Amino acid sequence: MNPEASPEGLIDTHSHLMLPEFQGDMEEVLLRAKQAGVRRIVLPGLDLETSQKAVELAVRWPSLYAAVGIHPNRAGQWQAARSLKVLRSLASSPRVVAIGEIGLDYFRKHAEPDIQRHAFEAQLELAAELDLPVILHNRDSTHDLLEIILRWAERCNGRREGVRGVLHAFSADYPTAQLATQAGFYVGIAGPLTYPKSADLRSLAARVPRDRLLLETDAPYLTPVPHRGTRNEPSYLPWTARSLSQALGLEDHEVAATTSQNASRLFGWDDGTDHRNLL
């Protein structure tokens, strides 16, 4: 049985609806999201092209929001002057709520680690300049990523809103989560929480401060059970939310309210009382 839509609504803080996988049925995807109780969706860019598309979609659909950035797997495309100029221009849109998806990926290594780190650090500085939160990618790079973001957080203590960001689709260990949340970051919980072999992740999620938890799909990737093996989409977010509710020992509506408030605090929109931007 599909989890019931939450009356409070859910926030999908990470979904790549601008990718080709969604070109043929975007309206249907958004309708299913609405029916599932998902009222806001953040679209993180992967490169300049997808960042532009994310902004265009967010302008067209009031409940979509964009993040702009160059993913570490595409860091080979980084051209400091041009890339920063384009990202800064895109981020001037009121529909942009973050810089991302940025970070490090030592698993695929489509770009050399030093190139990744250079692009990553430059985009962190852009986020600080624009006072925007960051959406962070980490795969097999925890040590370096943590060192970089903690150093960045220390430098940014004087920012108006303080350090803000999320470690998306979190898969590292609890000490990493502890250090990151203490520094002001959030922990993104995605579909792997529902996998039978993810007991350690469920245990970790239960230990993270509740005011630091976010929900996401990472659509079209990381599809939750029972839809695993198919294209992921925002309407599947309730399955991850239900798994998180069970891990925390809370009611579904409590998790929906808490994670939505957390997303509102991170991305700077209203607390849910203003319904002008519903799907």
C-alpha atoms as a PDB file:
ATOM      1  CA  MET A   1       0.000   0.000   0.000  1.00  0.00           C
ATOM      2  CA  ASN A   2       1.326   3.407  -0.956  1.00  0.00           C
ATOM      3  CA  PRO A   3       1.945   5.707   2.027  1.00  0.00           C
ATOM      4  CA  GLU A   4      -0.778   8.334   2.282  1.00  0.00           C
ATOM      5  CA  ALA A   5      -0.004  11.872   1.237  1.00  0.00           C
ATOM      6  CA  SER A   6       0.876  14.011   4.218  1.00  0.00           C
ATOM      7  CA  PRO A   7      -1.452  16.957   4.873  1.00  0.00           C
ATOM      8  CA  GLU A   8       1.624  18.987   5.832  1.00  0.00           C
ATOM      9  CA  GLY A   9       3.266  18.210   2.517  1.00  0.00           C
ATOM     10  CA  LEU A  10       6.735  16.893   1.747  1.00  0.00           C
ATOM     11  CA  ILE A  11       9.737  18.669   0.250  1.00  0.00           C
ATOM     12  CA  ASP A  12      11.917  16.872  -2.288  1.00  0.00           C
ATOM     13  CA  THR A  13      15.193  18.704  -1.732  1.00  0.00           C
ATOM     14  CA  HIS A  14      17.061  17.030  -4.595  1.00  0.00           C
ATOM     15  CA  SER A  15      15.556  15.966  -7.910  1.00  0.00           C
ATOM     16  CA  HIS A  16      17.024  16.210 -11.420  1.00  0.00           C
ATOM     17  CA  LEU A  17      13.813  16.799 -13.368  1.00  0.00           C
ATOM     18  CA  MET A  18      15.728  18.713 -16.037  1.00  0.00           C
ATOM     19  CA  LEU A  19      17.385  15.494 -17.295  1.00  0.00           C
ATOM     20  CA  PRO A  20      16.233  13.741 -20.504  1.00  0.00           C
ATOM     21  CA  GLU A  21      14.508  11.017 -18.475  1.00  0.00           C
ATOM     22  CA  PHE A  22      11.686  13.478 -17.736  1.00  0.00           C
ATOM     23  CA  GLN A  23      11.320  15.246 -21.079  1.00  0.00           C
ATOM     24  CA  GLY A  24       8.348  13.182 -22.203  1.00  0.00           C
ATOM     25  CA  ASP A  25       6.072  13.357 -19.161  1.00  0.00           C
ATOM     26  CA  MET A  26       6.962  16.331 -16.976  1.00  0.00           C
ATOM     27  CA  GLU A  27       3.348  17.393 -16.400  1.00  0.00           C
ATOM     28  CA  GLU A  28       2.385  13.871 -15.359  1.00  0.00           C
ATOM     29  CA  VAL A  29       5.407  13.642 -13.031  1.00  0.00           C
ATOM     30  CA  LEU A  30       4.428  16.891 -11.326  1.00  0.00           C
ATOM     31  CA  LEU A  31       0.790  15.835 -11.067  1.00  0.00           C
ATOM     32  CA  ARG A  32       1.793  12.564  -9.403  1.00  0.00           C
ATOM     33  CA  ALA A  33       4.058  14.517  -7.050  1.00  0.00           C
ATOM     34  CA  LYS A  34       1.152  16.756  -6.059  1.00  0.00           C
ATOM     35  CA  GLN A  35      -1.098  13.753  -5.494  1.00  0.00           C
ATOM     36  CA  ALA A  36       1.609  12.188  -3.301  1.00  0.00           C
ATOM     37  CA  GLY A  37       1.782  15.304  -1.136  1.00  0.00           C
ATOM     38  CA  VAL A  38       5.071  16.684  -2.471  1.00  0.00           C
ATOM     39  CA  ARG A  39       4.631  20.453  -2.587  1.00  0.00           C
ATOM     40  CA  ARG A  40       8.113  21.744  -3.372  1.00  0.00           C
ATOM     41  CA  ILE A  41      11.019  20.304  -5.358  1.00  0.00           C
ATOM     42  CA  VAL A  42      14.614  21.562  -5.642  1.00  0.00           C
ATOM     43  CA  LEU A  43      16.410  20.906  -8.944  1.00  0.00           C
ATOM     44  CA  PRO A  44      20.221  20.915  -8.573  1.00  0.00           C
ATOM     45  CA  GLY A  45      22.276  21.526 -11.694  1.00  0.00           C
ATOM     46  CA  LEU A  46      25.041  19.193 -12.823  1.00  0.00           C
ATOM     47  CA  ASP A  47      26.765  21.566 -15.242  1.00  0.00           C
ATOM     48  CA  LEU A  48      26.072  24.919 -16.867  1.00  0.00           C
ATOM     49  CA  GLU A  49      23.537  23.494 -19.316  1.00  0.00           C
ATOM     50  CA  THR A  50      21.473  21.601 -16.743  1.00  0.00           C
ATOM     51  CA  SER A  51      21.719  24.535 -14.332  1.00  0.00           C
ATOM     52  CA  GLN A  52      20.181  26.745 -17.010  1.00  0.00           C
ATOM     53  CA  LYS A  53      17.433  24.175 -17.589  1.00  0.00           C
ATOM     54  CA  ALA A  54      16.755  23.965 -13.855  1.00  0.00           C
ATOM     55  CA  VAL A  55      16.239  27.724 -13.706  1.00  0.00           C
ATOM     56  CA  GLU A  56      13.957  27.637 -16.756  1.00  0.00           C
ATOM     57  CA  LEU A  57      11.802  24.918 -15.190  1.00  0.00           C
ATOM     58  CA  ALA A  58      11.656  26.754 -11.887  1.00  0.00           C
ATOM     59  CA  VAL A  59      10.478  29.892 -13.656  1.00  0.00           C
ATOM     60  CA  ARG A  60       7.773  27.907 -15.441  1.00  0.00           C
ATOM     61  CA  TRP A  61       6.532  25.878 -12.472  1.00  0.00           C
ATOM     62  CA  PRO A  62       6.014  27.871  -9.243  1.00  0.00           C
ATOM     63  CA  SER A  63       6.702  24.955  -6.909  1.00  0.00           C
ATOM     64  CA  LEU A  64      10.049  24.099  -8.509  1.00  0.00           C
ATOM     65  CA  TYR A  65      13.230  25.765  -7.295  1.00  0.00           C
ATOM     66  CA  ALA A  66      16.680  25.657  -8.877  1.00  0.00           C
ATOM     67  CA  ALA A  67      20.216  25.204  -7.653  1.00  0.00           C
ATOM     68  CA  VAL A  68      23.107  25.961  -9.988  1.00  0.00           C
ATOM     69  CA  GLY A  69      26.521  24.366 -10.013  1.00  0.00           C
ATOM     70  CA  ILE A  70      28.992  22.005 -11.643  1.00  0.00           C
ATOM     71  CA  HIS A  71      29.044  18.423 -10.344  1.00  0.00           C
ATOM     72  CA  PRO A  72      32.465  16.908  -9.559  1.00  0.00           C
ATOM     73  CA  ASN A  73      32.048  14.326 -12.317  1.00  0.00           C
ATOM     74  CA  ARG A  74      31.821  17.239 -14.750  1.00  0.00           C
ATOM     75  CA  ALA A  75      34.563  19.312 -13.157  1.00  0.00           C
ATOM     76  CA  GLY A  76      36.631  18.828 -16.312  1.00  0.00           C
ATOM     77  CA  GLN A  77      34.327  21.437 -17.855  1.00  0.00           C
ATOM     78  CA  TRP A  78      35.373  24.017 -15.247  1.00  0.00           C
ATOM     79  CA  GLN A  79      36.732  27.225 -16.744  1.00  0.00           C
ATOM     80  CA  ALA A  80      37.152  29.536 -13.789  1.00  0.00           C
ATOM     81  CA  ALA A  81      36.294  32.917 -15.282  1.00  0.00           C
ATOM     82  CA  ARG A  82      33.531  31.746 -17.615  1.00  0.00           C
ATOM     83  CA  SER A  83      32.008  29.185 -15.246  1.00  0.00           C
ATOM     84  CA  LEU A  84      31.816  31.637 -12.354  1.00  0.00           C
ATOM     85  CA  LYS A  85      30.368  34.336 -14.599  1.00  0.00           C
ATOM     86  CA  VAL A  86      27.602  32.048 -15.872  1.00  0.00           C
ATOM     87  CA  LEU A  87      26.797  30.609 -12.443  1.00  0.00           C
ATOM     88  CA  ARG A  88      26.709  34.073 -10.880  1.00  0.00           C
ATOM     89  CA  SER A  89      24.320  35.230 -13.605  1.00  0.00           C
ATOM     90  CA  LEU A  90      22.057  32.204 -13.204  1.00  0.00           C
ATOM     91  CA  ALA A  91      22.052  32.598  -9.429  1.00  0.00           C
ATOM     92  CA  SER A  92      20.641  36.114  -9.793  1.00  0.00           C
ATOM     93  CA  SER A  93      17.258  34.538 -10.556  1.00  0.00           C
ATOM     94  CA  PRO A  94      14.901  34.622  -7.555  1.00  0.00           C
ATOM     95  CA  ARG A  95      14.101  30.987  -8.358  1.00  0.00           C
ATOM     96  CA  VAL A  96      17.657  29.915  -7.390  1.00  0.00           C
ATOM     97  CA  VAL A  97      17.919  28.827  -3.759  1.00  0.00           C
ATOM     98  CA  ALA A  98      21.369  27.168  -3.622  1.00  0.00           C
ATOM     99  CA  ILE A  99      24.704  26.469  -5.281  1.00  0.00           C
ATOM    100  CA  GLY A 100      24.863  22.821  -6.248  1.00  0.00           C
ATOM    101  CA  GLU A 101      25.306  20.042  -6.919  1.00  0.00           C
ATOM    102  CA  ILE A 102      28.964  20.473  -6.029  1.00  0.00           C
ATOM    103  CA  GLY A 103      31.518  18.385  -4.168  1.00  0.00           C
ATOM    104  CA  LEU A 104      33.925  15.502  -4.721  1.00  0.00           C
ATOM    105  CA  ASP A 105      33.614  12.060  -6.297  1.00  0.00           C
ATOM    106  CA  TYR A 106      36.604   9.724  -6.041  1.00  0.00           C
ATOM    107  CA  PHE A 107      34.575   6.680  -7.113  1.00  0.00           C
ATOM    108  CA  ARG A 108      34.107   7.484 -10.791  1.00  0.00           C
ATOM    109  CA  LYS A 109      36.930  10.012 -11.131  1.00  0.00           C
ATOM    110  CA  HIS A 110      35.649  11.477 -14.393  1.00  0.00           C
ATOM    111  CA  ALA A 111      37.865  14.412 -13.391  1.00  0.00           C
ATOM    112  CA  GLU A 112      41.152  14.277 -11.526  1.00  0.00           C
ATOM    113  CA  PRO A 113      40.830  14.962  -7.775  1.00  0.00           C
ATOM    114  CA  ASP A 114      42.842  18.188  -7.923  1.00  0.00           C
ATOM    115  CA  ILE A 115      40.575  19.517 -10.684  1.00  0.00           C
ATOM    116  CA  GLN A 116      37.513  18.530  -8.659  1.00  0.00           C
ATOM    117  CA  ARG A 117      38.839  20.257  -5.566  1.00  0.00           C
ATOM    118  CA  HIS A 118      39.614  23.448  -7.473  1.00  0.00           C
ATOM    119  CA  ALA A 119      36.094  23.660  -8.936  1.00  0.00           C
ATOM    120  CA  PHE A 120      34.552  22.721  -5.593  1.00  0.00           C
ATOM    121  CA  GLU A 121      36.374  25.351  -3.579  1.00  0.00           C
ATOM    122  CA  ALA A 122      35.660  28.049  -6.153  1.00  0.00           C
ATOM    123  CA  GLN A 123      31.940  27.266  -5.998  1.00  0.00           C
ATOM    124  CA  LEU A 124      31.965  27.270  -2.198  1.00  0.00           C
ATOM    125  CA  GLU A 125      33.404  30.782  -2.355  1.00  0.00           C
ATOM    126  CA  LEU A 126      30.694  31.776  -4.825  1.00  0.00           C
ATOM    127  CA  ALA A 127      28.061  30.506  -2.392  1.00  0.00           C
ATOM    128  CA  ALA A 128      29.635  32.565   0.369  1.00  0.00           C
ATOM    129  CA  GLU A 129      29.721  35.633  -1.877  1.00  0.00           C
ATOM    130  CA  LEU A 130      26.028  35.235  -2.778  1.00  0.00           C
ATOM    131  CA  ASP A 131      25.000  34.078   0.710  1.00  0.00           C
ATOM    132  CA  LEU A 132      23.419  30.910  -0.663  1.00  0.00           C
ATOM    133  CA  PRO A 133      23.437  27.402   0.813  1.00  0.00           C
ATOM    134  CA  VAL A 134      25.304  24.568  -0.889  1.00  0.00           C
ATOM    135  CA  ILE A 135      24.151  21.128  -2.019  1.00  0.00           C
ATOM    136  CA  LEU A 136      27.058  18.733  -1.555  1.00  0.00           C
ATOM    137  CA  HIS A 137      27.954  15.517  -3.395  1.00  0.00           C
ATOM    138  CA  ASN A 138      30.296  13.059  -1.700  1.00  0.00           C
ATOM    139  CA  ARG A 139      31.313   9.664  -2.998  1.00  0.00           C
ATOM    140  CA  ASP A 140      34.391   7.910  -1.628  1.00  0.00           C
ATOM    141  CA  SER A 141      35.809  11.339  -0.775  1.00  0.00           C
ATOM    142  CA  THR A 142      34.655  11.905   2.799  1.00  0.00           C
ATOM    143  CA  HIS A 143      38.021  12.840   4.279  1.00  0.00           C
ATOM    144  CA  ASP A 144      38.838  15.514   1.708  1.00  0.00           C
ATOM    145  CA  LEU A 145      35.302  16.849   1.445  1.00  0.00           C
ATOM    146  CA  LEU A 146      34.910  17.147   5.205  1.00  0.00           C
ATOM    147  CA  GLU A 147      38.240  18.919   5.535  1.00  0.00           C
ATOM    148  CA  ILE A 148      37.263  21.415   2.839  1.00  0.00           C
ATOM    149  CA  ILE A 149      33.764  22.191   4.098  1.00  0.00           C
ATOM    150  CA  LEU A 150      34.826  22.503   7.741  1.00  0.00           C
ATOM    151  CA  ARG A 151      37.599  24.907   6.749  1.00  0.00           C
ATOM    152  CA  TRP A 152      35.104  26.829   4.607  1.00  0.00           C
ATOM    153  CA  ALA A 153      32.569  26.860   7.444  1.00  0.00           C
ATOM    154  CA  GLU A 154      35.121  28.346   9.801  1.00  0.00           C
ATOM    155  CA  ARG A 155      35.910  31.129   7.332  1.00  0.00           C
ATOM    156  CA  CYS A 156      32.206  31.827   6.780  1.00  0.00           C
ATOM    157  CA  ASN A 157      31.174  32.277  10.401  1.00  0.00           C
ATOM    158  CA  GLY A 158      30.490  35.943   9.746  1.00  0.00           C
ATOM    159  CA  ARG A 159      27.937  35.341   6.986  1.00  0.00           C
ATOM    160  CA  ARG A 160      24.533  36.849   7.543  1.00  0.00           C
ATOM    161  CA  GLU A 161      22.783  33.490   7.702  1.00  0.00           C
ATOM    162  CA  GLY A 162      25.766  31.442   8.841  1.00  0.00           C
ATOM    163  CA  VAL A 163      26.941  28.265   7.143  1.00  0.00           C
ATOM    164  CA  ARG A 164      24.181  26.489   5.270  1.00  0.00           C
ATOM    165  CA  GLY A 165      24.253  23.371   3.180  1.00  0.00           C
ATOM    166  CA  VAL A 166      23.236  19.750   2.866  1.00  0.00           C
ATOM    167  CA  LEU A 167      25.241  16.565   2.369  1.00  0.00           C
ATOM    168  CA  HIS A 168      22.911  15.046  -0.160  1.00  0.00           C
ATOM    169  CA  ALA A 169      22.028  11.326  -0.230  1.00  0.00           C
ATOM    170  CA  PHE A 170      24.154  10.840   2.866  1.00  0.00           C
ATOM    171  CA  SER A 171      26.084   7.564   2.965  1.00  0.00           C
ATOM    172  CA  ALA A 172      29.084   8.294   5.182  1.00  0.00           C
ATOM    173  CA  ASP A 173      29.463   7.328   8.849  1.00  0.00           C
ATOM    174  CA  TYR A 174      28.009   8.847  11.998  1.00  0.00           C
ATOM    175  CA  PRO A 175      31.155  10.772  13.061  1.00  0.00           C
ATOM    176  CA  THR A 176      31.025  12.527   9.684  1.00  0.00           C
ATOM    177  CA  ALA A 177      27.360  13.363  10.172  1.00  0.00           C
ATOM    178  CA  GLN A 178      28.096  14.613  13.669  1.00  0.00           C
ATOM    179  CA  LEU A 179      30.918  16.915  12.562  1.00  0.00           C
ATOM    180  CA  ALA A 180      28.904  18.215   9.620  1.00  0.00           C
ATOM    181  CA  THR A 181      25.744  18.963  11.601  1.00  0.00           C
ATOM    182  CA  GLN A 182      27.737  20.647  14.345  1.00  0.00           C
ATOM    183  CA  ALA A 183      29.232  22.907  11.681  1.00  0.00           C
ATOM    184  CA  GLY A 184      25.762  23.861  10.437  1.00  0.00           C
ATOM    185  CA  PHE A 185      25.077  21.371   7.641  1.00  0.00           C
ATOM    186  CA  TYR A 186      22.027  19.207   7.042  1.00  0.00           C
ATOM    187  CA  VAL A 187      21.859  15.506   6.186  1.00  0.00           C
ATOM    188  CA  GLY A 188      19.891  14.486   3.093  1.00  0.00           C
ATOM    189  CA  ILE A 189      18.022  11.175   3.340  1.00  0.00           C
ATOM    190  CA  ALA A 190      17.225   9.403   0.062  1.00  0.00           C
ATOM    191  CA  GLY A 191      15.845   6.117  -1.257  1.00  0.00           C
ATOM    192  CA  PRO A 192      18.639   3.830   0.052  1.00  0.00           C
ATOM    193  CA  LEU A 193      17.094   4.257   3.507  1.00  0.00           C
ATOM    194  CA  THR A 194      14.372   1.859   2.338  1.00  0.00           C
ATOM    195  CA  TYR A 195      16.748  -0.886   1.163  1.00  0.00           C
ATOM    196  CA  PRO A 196      16.776  -4.095   3.237  1.00  0.00           C
ATOM    197  CA  LYS A 197      20.565  -3.946   3.673  1.00  0.00           C
ATOM    198  CA  SER A 198      20.529  -0.325   4.908  1.00  0.00           C
ATOM    199  CA  ALA A 199      20.112  -1.016   8.623  1.00  0.00           C
ATOM    200  CA  ASP A 200      23.245   1.013   9.399  1.00  0.00           C
ATOM    201  CA  LEU A 201      21.870   4.007   7.520  1.00  0.00           C
ATOM    202  CA  ARG A 202      18.563   3.774   9.372  1.00  0.00           C
ATOM    203  CA  SER A 203      20.427   3.617  12.664  1.00  0.00           C
ATOM    204  CA  LEU A 204      22.503   6.651  11.682  1.00  0.00           C
ATOM    205  CA  ALA A 205      19.412   8.631  10.647  1.00  0.00           C
ATOM    206  CA  ALA A 206      17.896   7.973  14.059  1.00  0.00           C
ATOM    207  CA  ARG A 207      20.940   9.586  15.712  1.00  0.00           C
ATOM    208  CA  VAL A 208      21.081  12.731  13.588  1.00  0.00           C
ATOM    209  CA  PRO A 209      19.422  15.748  15.258  1.00  0.00           C
ATOM    210  CA  ARG A 210      15.889  15.965  13.879  1.00  0.00           C
ATOM    211  CA  ASP A 211      16.313  19.621  12.988  1.00  0.00           C
ATOM    212  CA  ARG A 212      19.126  18.596  10.597  1.00  0.00           C
ATOM    213  CA  LEU A 213      17.277  16.016   8.481  1.00  0.00           C
ATOM    214  CA  LEU A 214      16.028  16.536   4.936  1.00  0.00           C
ATOM    215  CA  LEU A 215      14.220  14.249   2.508  1.00  0.00           C
ATOM    216  CA  GLU A 216      15.110  13.825  -1.160  1.00  0.00           C
ATOM    217  CA  THR A 217      14.679  11.496  -4.117  1.00  0.00           C
ATOM    218  CA  ASP A 218      17.770  12.227  -6.268  1.00  0.00           C
ATOM    219  CA  ALA A 219      15.406  11.364  -9.136  1.00  0.00           C
ATOM    220  CA  PRO A 220      15.853   9.681 -11.547  1.00  0.00           C
ATOM    221  CA  TYR A 221      18.375   7.813  -9.363  1.00  0.00           C
ATOM    222  CA  LEU A 222      18.257   5.970  -5.993  1.00  0.00           C
ATOM    223  CA  THR A 223      14.697   4.721  -6.383  1.00  0.00           C
ATOM    224  CA  PRO A 224      13.209   3.537  -3.085  1.00  0.00           C
ATOM    225  CA  VAL A 225      11.653   0.166  -2.371  1.00  0.00           C
ATOM    226  CA  PRO A 226       9.125  -0.953  -3.644  1.00  0.00           C
ATOM    227  CA  HIS A 227       9.872   0.842  -6.945  1.00  0.00           C
ATOM    228  CA  ARG A 228      13.577   0.016  -7.038  1.00  0.00           C
ATOM    229  CA  GLY A 229      14.701  -0.829 -10.549  1.00  0.00           C
ATOM    230  CA  THR A 230      12.500   1.829 -12.164  1.00  0.00           C
ATOM    231  CA  ARG A 231      13.021   5.527 -12.820  1.00  0.00           C
ATOM    232  CA  ASN A 232      12.783   7.457  -9.583  1.00  0.00           C
ATOM    233  CA  GLU A 233      10.498  10.498  -9.351  1.00  0.00           C
ATOM    234  CA  PRO A 234       9.237  12.889  -6.649  1.00  0.00           C
ATOM    235  CA  SER A 235       5.985  10.987  -6.139  1.00  0.00           C
ATOM    236  CA  TYR A 236       8.033   8.166  -4.598  1.00  0.00           C
ATOM    237  CA  LEU A 237       9.268  10.402  -1.769  1.00  0.00           C
ATOM    238  CA  PRO A 238       6.576   9.171   0.683  1.00  0.00           C
ATOM    239  CA  TRP A 239       8.241   5.746   0.727  1.00  0.00           C
ATOM    240  CA  THR A 240      11.488   7.261   2.011  1.00  0.00           C
ATOM    241  CA  ALA A 241       9.545   9.476   4.412  1.00  0.00           C
ATOM    242  CA  ARG A 242       7.742   6.423   5.805  1.00  0.00           C
ATOM    243  CA  SER A 243      11.054   4.599   6.311  1.00  0.00           C
ATOM    244  CA  LEU A 244      12.448   7.634   8.122  1.00  0.00           C
ATOM    245  CA  SER A 245       9.341   7.805  10.311  1.00  0.00           C
ATOM    246  CA  GLN A 246       9.868   4.199  11.316  1.00  0.00           C
ATOM    247  CA  ALA A 247      13.571   4.771  12.012  1.00  0.00           C
ATOM    248  CA  LEU A 248      12.779   7.758  14.246  1.00  0.00           C
ATOM    249  CA  GLY A 249       9.732   6.230  15.918  1.00  0.00           C
ATOM    250  CA  LEU A 250       7.557   9.141  14.785  1.00  0.00           C
ATOM    251  CA  GLU A 251       4.261   9.518  12.960  1.00  0.00           C
ATOM    252  CA  ASP A 252       4.445  10.234   9.242  1.00  0.00           C
ATOM    253  CA  HIS A 253       2.958  13.706   9.686  1.00  0.00           C
ATOM    254  CA  GLU A 254       5.633  14.579  12.256  1.00  0.00           C
ATOM    255  CA  VAL A 255       8.444  13.674   9.877  1.00  0.00           C
ATOM    256  CA  ALA A 256       6.758  15.582   7.047  1.00  0.00           C
ATOM    257  CA  ALA A 257       6.395  18.683   9.209  1.00  0.00           C
ATOM    258  CA  THR A 258       9.919  18.516  10.623  1.00  0.00           C
ATOM    259  CA  THR A 259      11.746  17.898   7.348  1.00  0.00           C
ATOM    260  CA  SER A 260       9.666  20.540   5.550  1.00  0.00           C
ATOM    261  CA  GLN A 261      10.479  23.112   8.228  1.00  0.00           C
ATOM    262  CA  ASN A 262      14.144  22.170   7.929  1.00  0.00           C
ATOM    263  CA  ALA A 263      14.038  22.652   4.159  1.00  0.00           C
ATOM    264  CA  SER A 264      12.308  26.005   4.582  1.00  0.00           C
ATOM    265  CA  ARG A 265      15.001  27.122   6.991  1.00  0.00           C
ATOM    266  CA  LEU A 266      17.822  25.984   4.704  1.00  0.00           C
ATOM    267  CA  PHE A 267      16.495  27.310   1.405  1.00  0.00           C
ATOM    268  CA  GLY A 268      14.850  30.450   2.729  1.00  0.00           C
ATOM    269  CA  TRP A 269      11.246  30.146   1.617  1.00  0.00           C
ATOM    270  CA  ASP A 270       8.190  30.425   3.868  1.00  0.00           C
ATOM    271  CA  ASP A 271       7.337  27.944   6.630  1.00  0.00           C
ATOM    272  CA  GLY A 272       4.404  26.364   4.810  1.00  0.00           C
ATOM    273  CA  THR A 273       1.672  28.804   5.819  1.00  0.00           C
ATOM    274  CA  ASP A 274       1.849  30.572   2.467  1.00  0.00           C
ATOM    275  CA  HIS A 275       0.298  28.266  -0.152  1.00  0.00           C
ATOM    276  CA  ARG A 276       0.835  30.391  -3.237  1.00  0.00           C
ATOM    277  CA  ASN A 277       3.618  28.125  -4.453  1.00  0.00           C
ATOM    278  CA  LEU A 278       1.864  24.788  -4.162  1.00  0.00           C
ATOM    279  CA  LEU A 279       1.945  22.445  -7.127  1.00  0.00           C
END
